[in-house]
C-alpha atoms as a PDB file:
ATOM      1  CA  LEU A   1       0.000   0.000   0.000  1.00  0.00           C
ATOM      2  CA  THR A   2       1.789   3.111  -1.221  1.00  0.00           C
ATOM      3  CA  ASN A   3       1.022   6.834  -1.620  1.00  0.00           C
ATOM      4  CA  ASP A   4      -2.487   6.934  -0.193  1.00  0.00           C
ATOM      5  CA  LEU A   5      -4.406   9.497   1.808  1.00  0.00           C
ATOM      6  CA  ILE A   6      -6.536   7.610   4.350  1.00  0.00           C
ATOM      7  CA  ALA A   7      -8.530  10.319   6.090  1.00  0.00           C
ATOM      8  CA  ASP A   8     -11.770  11.289   7.772  1.00  0.00           C
ATOM      9  CA  ASN A   9     -13.268   7.785   8.061  1.00  0.00           C
ATOM     10  CA  ASP A  10     -16.070   7.081  10.546  1.00  0.00           C
ATOM     11  CA  PHE A  11     -14.224   4.051  11.937  1.00  0.00           C
ATOM     12  CA  ILE A  12     -10.696   2.660  11.436  1.00  0.00           C
ATOM     13  CA  GLY A  13      -8.488   4.290   8.822  1.00  0.00           C
ATOM     14  CA  LEU A  14      -6.876   1.026   7.688  1.00  0.00           C
ATOM     15  CA  PHE A  15      -7.275  -2.525   9.087  1.00  0.00           C
ATOM     16  CA  ILE A  16      -4.854  -5.264   8.031  1.00  0.00           C
ATOM     17  CA  ASN A  17      -5.486  -8.904   8.968  1.00  0.00           C
ATOM     18  CA  SER A  18      -3.423 -11.186   6.769  1.00  0.00           C
ATOM     19  CA  ASN A  19      -2.696 -14.420   8.657  1.00  0.00           C
ATOM     20  CA  GLY A  20       1.047 -13.944   8.533  1.00  0.00           C
ATOM     21  CA  ASP A  21       1.646 -12.415   5.090  1.00  0.00           C
ATOM     22  CA  HIS A  22       4.065  -9.507   4.931  1.00  0.00           C
ATOM     23  CA  PHE A  23       2.664  -6.155   3.820  1.00  0.00           C
ATOM     24  CA  GLN A  24       4.550  -2.992   2.952  1.00  0.00           C
ATOM     25  CA  ILE A  25       2.859   0.256   3.959  1.00  0.00           C
ATOM     26  CA  ILE A  26       4.916   3.063   2.434  1.00  0.00           C
ATOM     27  CA  HIS A  27       4.401   6.845   2.066  1.00  0.00           C
ATOM     28  CA  ASN A  28       0.829   7.125   3.336  1.00  0.00           C
ATOM     29  CA  THR A  29      -0.899   9.866   5.292  1.00  0.00           C
ATOM     30  CA  ILE A  30      -3.360   8.287   7.747  1.00  0.00           C
ATOM     31  CA  VAL A  31      -5.181  11.093   9.505  1.00  0.00           C
ATOM     32  CA  ASN A  32      -8.324  12.171  11.340  1.00  0.00           C
ATOM     33  CA  ASN A  33     -10.079   8.787  11.494  1.00  0.00           C
ATOM     34  CA  GLU A  34     -12.648   8.171  14.275  1.00  0.00           C
ATOM     35  CA  TYR A  35     -10.899   5.066  15.644  1.00  0.00           C
ATOM     36  CA  SER A  36      -7.227   4.104  15.235  1.00  0.00           C
ATOM     37  CA  GLY A  37      -5.393   5.181  12.102  1.00  0.00           C
ATOM     38  CA  LEU A  38      -3.896   1.739  11.408  1.00  0.00           C
ATOM     39  CA  VAL A  39      -4.886  -1.561  13.065  1.00  0.00           C
ATOM     40  CA  ILE A  40      -2.643  -4.578  12.458  1.00  0.00           C
ATOM     41  CA  ASN A  41      -3.755  -8.135  13.328  1.00  0.00           C
ATOM     42  CA  ASN A  42      -1.768 -11.340  12.742  1.00  0.00           C
ATOM     43  CA  THR A  43       0.591 -10.039  10.104  1.00  0.00           C
ATOM     44  CA  GLY A  44       4.133  -9.170   9.217  1.00  0.00           C
ATOM     45  CA  MET A  45       4.437  -5.584   8.160  1.00  0.00           C
ATOM     46  CA  GLY A  46       6.832  -2.987   6.869  1.00  0.00           C
ATOM     47  CA  PHE A  47       5.716   0.500   7.916  1.00  0.00           C
ATOM     48  CA  HIS A  48       7.940   3.128   6.316  1.00  0.00           C
ATOM     49  CA  ASN A  49       7.747   6.895   5.627  1.00  0.00           C
ATOM     50  CA  ASN A  50       4.137   7.298   6.849  1.00  0.00           C
ATOM     51  CA  ILE A  51       2.282   9.911   8.868  1.00  0.00           C
ATOM     52  CA  SER A  52      -0.418   8.707  11.288  1.00  0.00           C
ATOM     53  CA  ALA A  53      -1.867  11.715  13.092  1.00  0.00           C
ATOM     54  CA  LEU A  54      -4.974  13.154  14.723  1.00  0.00           C
ATOM     55  CA  ASN A  55      -6.824   9.813  14.911  1.00  0.00           C
ATOM     56  CA  GLY A  56      -9.502   9.135  17.544  1.00  0.00           C
ATOM     57  CA  HIS A  57      -7.681   6.256  19.274  1.00  0.00           C
ATOM     58  CA  TYR A  58      -4.119   5.122  18.488  1.00  0.00           C
ATOM     59  CA  GLY A  59      -1.931   6.083  15.561  1.00  0.00           C
ATOM     60  CA  VAL A  60      -0.975   2.386  15.148  1.00  0.00           C
ATOM     61  CA  GLU A  61      -2.779  -0.382  17.066  1.00  0.00           C
ATOM     62  CA  TYR A  62      -1.414  -3.931  17.238  1.00  0.00           C
ATOM     63  CA  LEU A  63      -3.696  -6.960  17.823  1.00  0.00           C
ATOM     64  CA  GLY A  64      -2.907 -10.673  17.898  1.00  0.00           C
ATOM     65  CA  SER A  65       0.546 -11.638  16.703  1.00  0.00           C
ATOM     66  CA  TYR A  66       2.609  -9.466  14.426  1.00  0.00           C
ATOM     67  CA  SER A  67       6.095  -8.661  13.339  1.00  0.00           C
ATOM     68  CA  SER A  68       7.070  -5.315  11.965  1.00  0.00           C
ATOM     69  CA  ALA A  69       9.913  -3.311  10.524  1.00  0.00           C
ATOM     70  CA  GLU A  70       9.450   0.433  10.874  1.00  0.00           C
ATOM     71  CA  THR A  71      11.498   3.357   9.635  1.00  0.00           C
ATOM     72  CA  ARG A  72      10.926   7.110   9.331  1.00  0.00           C
ATOM     73  CA  ASN A  73       7.285   7.386  10.449  1.00  0.00           C
ATOM     74  CA  ASP A  74       5.669  10.354  12.169  1.00  0.00           C
ATOM     75  CA  VAL A  75       2.979   9.194  14.619  1.00  0.00           C
ATOM     76  CA  TRP A  76       1.604  12.295  16.343  1.00  0.00           C
ATOM     77  CA  ALA A  77      -1.362  13.651  18.356  1.00  0.00           C
ATOM     78  CA  ASN A  78      -3.553  10.558  18.334  1.00  0.00           C
ATOM     79  CA  ALA A  79      -6.119  10.705  21.159  1.00  0.00           C
ATOM     80  CA  TRP A  80      -4.919   7.541  22.967  1.00  0.00           C
ATOM     81  CA  GLY A  81      -1.255   7.884  21.999  1.00  0.00           C
ATOM     82  CA  ALA A  82       1.103   6.656  19.310  1.00  0.00           C
ATOM     83  CA  THR A  83       0.412   2.942  19.921  1.00  0.00           C
ATOM     84  CA  ASN A  84      -1.123   0.478  22.363  1.00  0.00           C
ATOM     85  CA  LEU A  85       2.335  -1.023  22.997  1.00  0.00           C
ATOM     86  CA  GLY A  86       4.317   0.626  25.752  1.00  0.00           C
ATOM     87  CA  GLY A  87       7.752   1.873  24.766  1.00  0.00           C
ATOM     88  CA  HIS A  88       7.293   1.324  21.037  1.00  0.00           C
ATOM     89  CA  PRO A  89       9.252   4.216  19.503  1.00  0.00           C
ATOM     90  CA  TYR A  90       8.539   5.814  16.176  1.00  0.00           C
ATOM     91  CA  TYR A  91      11.025   7.908  14.290  1.00  0.00           C
ATOM     92  CA  LEU A  92       9.126  11.138  14.947  1.00  0.00           C
ATOM     93  CA  GLU A  93       6.338  12.081  17.274  1.00  0.00           C
ATOM     94  CA  GLU A  94       6.148  15.681  16.118  1.00  0.00           C
ATOM     95  CA  ASP A  95       3.536  17.918  14.519  1.00  0.00           C
ATOM     96  CA  PRO A  96       3.787  17.259  10.749  1.00  0.00           C
ATOM     97  CA  LEU A  97       2.560  20.839  10.174  1.00  0.00           C
ATOM     98  CA  PHE A  98      -0.293  20.167   7.761  1.00  0.00           C
ATOM     99  CA  PHE A  99      -1.511  23.158   5.726  1.00  0.00           C
ATOM    100  CA  ASN A 100      -5.076  23.057   7.044  1.00  0.00           C
ATOM    101  CA  PRO A 101      -6.179  19.801   8.718  1.00  0.00           C
ATOM    102  CA  ALA A 102      -9.583  21.266   9.695  1.00  0.00           C
ATOM    103  CA  GLY A 103     -10.174  21.954   5.998  1.00  0.00           C
ATOM    104  CA  GLY A 104      -8.877  18.543   4.860  1.00  0.00           C
ATOM    105  CA  LEU A 105      -5.560  19.843   3.460  1.00  0.00           C
ATOM    106  CA  TYR A 106      -3.016  17.278   4.668  1.00  0.00           C
ATOM    107  CA  GLN A 107      -0.015  18.409   2.640  1.00  0.00           C
ATOM    108  CA  ILE A 108       2.907  19.377   4.844  1.00  0.00           C
ATOM    109  CA  ARG A 109       4.403  22.848   5.092  1.00  0.00           C
ATOM    110  CA  ALA A 110       7.973  23.648   4.068  1.00  0.00           C
ATOM    111  CA  THR A 111       8.933  23.870   7.766  1.00  0.00           C
ATOM    112  CA  SER A 112       7.591  20.380   8.599  1.00  0.00           C
ATOM    113  CA  PRO A 113       9.945  17.893  10.302  1.00  0.00           C
ATOM    114  CA  CYS A 114       8.693  15.412   7.656  1.00  0.00           C
ATOM    115  CA  MET A 115      10.151  17.467   4.789  1.00  0.00           C
ATOM    116  CA  ASP A 116      13.112  15.839   2.968  1.00  0.00           C
ATOM    117  CA  ASP A 117      13.416  13.147   5.675  1.00  0.00           C
ATOM    118  CA  CYS A 118      12.309   9.760   4.313  1.00  0.00           C
ATOM    119  CA  ALA A 119      14.200   6.470   4.252  1.00  0.00           C
ATOM    120  CA  PHE A 120      15.340   6.152   0.621  1.00  0.00           C
ATOM    121  CA  ASP A 121      15.523   2.357   0.718  1.00  0.00           C
ATOM    122  CA  HIS A 122      11.749   2.309   1.404  1.00  0.00           C
ATOM    123  CA  SER A 123      10.599   5.001  -0.974  1.00  0.00           C
ATOM    124  CA  SER A 124       8.423   5.269  -4.055  1.00  0.00           C
ATOM    125  CA  ASP A 125       9.271   7.076  -7.300  1.00  0.00           C
ATOM    126  CA  THR A 126       6.148   9.248  -7.309  1.00  0.00           C
ATOM    127  CA  SER A 127       3.761  10.673  -4.716  1.00  0.00           C
ATOM    128  CA  PHE A 128       0.013  10.887  -4.104  1.00  0.00           C
ATOM    129  CA  ASN A 129      -0.020  14.272  -5.837  1.00  0.00           C
ATOM    130  CA  GLY A 130       1.855  12.880  -8.872  1.00  0.00           C
ATOM    131  CA  LEU A 131       5.209  14.525  -8.236  1.00  0.00           C
ATOM    132  CA  ALA A 132       8.457  12.624  -8.665  1.00  0.00           C
ATOM    133  CA  ARG A 133      10.328  11.822  -5.450  1.00  0.00           C
ATOM    134  CA  PRO A 134      12.476  13.530  -4.269  1.00  0.00           C
ATOM    135  CA  GLN A 135      11.798  17.187  -5.000  1.00  0.00           C
ATOM    136  CA  GLY A 136      14.420  18.536  -2.598  1.00  0.00           C
ATOM    137  CA  ALA A 137      17.366  17.177  -0.632  1.00  0.00           C
ATOM    138  CA  GLY A 138      15.325  14.052   0.163  1.00  0.00           C
ATOM    139  CA  CYS A 139      11.805  12.744  -0.252  1.00  0.00           C
ATOM    140  CA  ASP A 140       9.089  13.734   2.200  1.00  0.00           C
ATOM    141  CA  ILE A 141       7.441  11.499   4.815  1.00  0.00           C
ATOM    142  CA  GLY A 142       3.751  10.899   4.065  1.00  0.00           C
ATOM    143  CA  ALA A 143       1.696  10.594   0.880  1.00  0.00           C
ATOM    144  CA  TYR A 144       2.525  14.014  -0.526  1.00  0.00           C
ATOM    145  CA  GLU A 145       5.809  15.224  -1.979  1.00  0.00           C
ATOM    146  CA  MET A 146       6.029  18.972  -1.766  1.00  0.00           C
ATOM    147  CA  PRO A 147       7.328  20.799  -4.847  1.00  0.00           C
ATOM    148  CA  MET A 148      10.482  22.840  -4.729  1.00  0.00           C
ATOM    149  CA  PRO A 149       9.676  26.526  -4.238  1.00  0.00           C
ATOM    150  CA  LEU A 150      10.147  28.819  -7.191  1.00  0.00           C
ATOM    151  CA  PHE A 151      12.368  31.818  -6.642  1.00  0.00           C
ATOM    152  CA  PHE A 152      12.187  34.774  -8.959  1.00  0.00           C
ATOM    153  CA  PRO A 153      14.917  37.411  -9.113  1.00  0.00           C
ATOM    154  CA  LEU A 154      14.150  40.735  -7.521  1.00  0.00           C
ATOM    155  CA  ILE A 155      14.537  43.500 -10.063  1.00  0.00           C
ATOM    156  CA  ILE A 156      14.373  47.064  -8.820  1.00  0.00           C
ATOM    157  CA  ARG A 157      14.155  49.867 -11.334  1.00  0.00           C
END
């Protein structure tokens, strides 16, 4: 599952129950869901370069048995915490600085800690908004890749 915006659902953002298969969840923005952003049950999982924020329960909830490899995720401001497992660290637990989450704009700002900070070995070539990755010094964490700013010369006459 790559480059998806999973937002504003009335229940769980994403539920994975695979009886041991290994899934790769890469470059997604999982945000503002009523229950947990991601629920994992009985599966192996790779969880890389994702944002899980502002969900009603946990950012990532683990059930049953699981194994996971996780790099460069931002799990922030979920009502019940980052995860239901004590001491389970994520790369970041910082405000991703969305443009306007109340208005459904989940692109990150240029000052976001998620900007240019992904794990390249778990990256995709394009983003949810169709831009090639990376646009700057590195690719961005989450579904969106932010374009490089345009600078115009200042001409004074």
